[in-house]
C-alpha cells in the first residue's frame, strides 16, 4: 500500500473501534513489505495499539515491528539512538509509568535485542520496578497481592531481565547507575517479606559492578559507524585498484590472495582481542580505590549494615581475588 491507502485502511480500523484477525496480514504486507519501516508507519501502529479490542496475534506483531524499527532502521544496526529512545518513551510513558503489558513487553524486548541502548532508557525501565514496589504504579503494580514496599519475586525477575539485558554493557557488566539503584531499593525497601531471590540479585549485581564492569565495553555508535563505513569502502574498491596497490608494494600477490591474508589478519586480531579481554577480566576483578570508596559510602549511607549488605561483604571476601585494604575492616565487622 502507498501511504494514502495505508492511512485510509488504518482510519477504517479506528472507525470500527477494533482490530480484526483479518487485518493483520494486510498490515504485514503494507508495513515493512519494502523492508523499511518509517516513523509514520510506526506511529500508525501505536495508534492502533490504543484500540481496546485486538486479536491474540496483535501483541507479537506489534512488538516485532516496533522493535525492528527502533534497532535496525537507523545505522548502525543494533543501537537505539537517543532520538529513537525519546520517541519510544513519548509513546509508552504516561505520567512516568508504562501502563500496559504490551508496551512493557516492547520495552523489555528492545532492551534484550539491542546491542546497546541509551542509559536513560535502561534506567527508565528500572524505574518501573521502583514505582511498582513503592506505589503500585504502572502495569507492574497492577493487581499486586503484596502490600506496598515489598520486593516480590515478579519484581526481582523484571529487575534481573533489565540488568542483564544485552543493552547493559553487552549483558555482562552492570553500570554505576544500575548498582546505585540496587542500593536505593535495598535501603528503601527493607522487609523480612521481601522474596528470597532479592538478596541474591542484590549481592550478585553489586559484585558484578565492582568486579566485572571494566571487562567489556560495547563500542559506541560512532565507533561502530566508523567501522561499517571502513568495511563498505573496502568492498567498493575495484580489483584493479587492489592489483595496482599491491604492485606498488612490490608484492606478487593477487587481490584474492590479499583478501585471504586480510581474513587471516582479522582472525589474528580477534585472537588478540580475546587475550586482551581475558586481561581486562583479571584487571576488573580487582576492586580499585574509586570502587572501594563508592562501596564504603553506600554501605555507610544509612549508618548500619543490613543482612543483604553483610551478605555482599561475605561474597566479596569469598570471591574477590584482591580485597581492597579499606574494605577489610568492614568485612571483618560483618
Foldseek 3Di string as FASTA:
>chain_A
DPPVVVVVLLVVCVVVLAEDPVVVVVLVCVACVVVAHDPVNLVSLLVNVPRPYYDPPSLVSNLVRLLCNQAPRDPPHQEGDPVNLVVLCVSQDDPLEGADPSSLVSLLVNLQRGQAYDPVSLVSQLVNLVCLQAPLDHNSSPPDPDDRLAAEPVSLVSLLSSQQHCRQLRSQAGEPVSLVVLLVSCVRRDDPRHDPVSLVCNLVNLLSHQQPHQLGGDDDSVVRVVVVVVVVVVVPDDQVVVVVVCVVVVDPAGPVRVVVVVVVVVVVVVVVVVVVSVVRNLVSLAGDPVNVVVLVCSCPVVPDHDPSNLVNLVVCVVPRPHDDPVCVVVNVVD
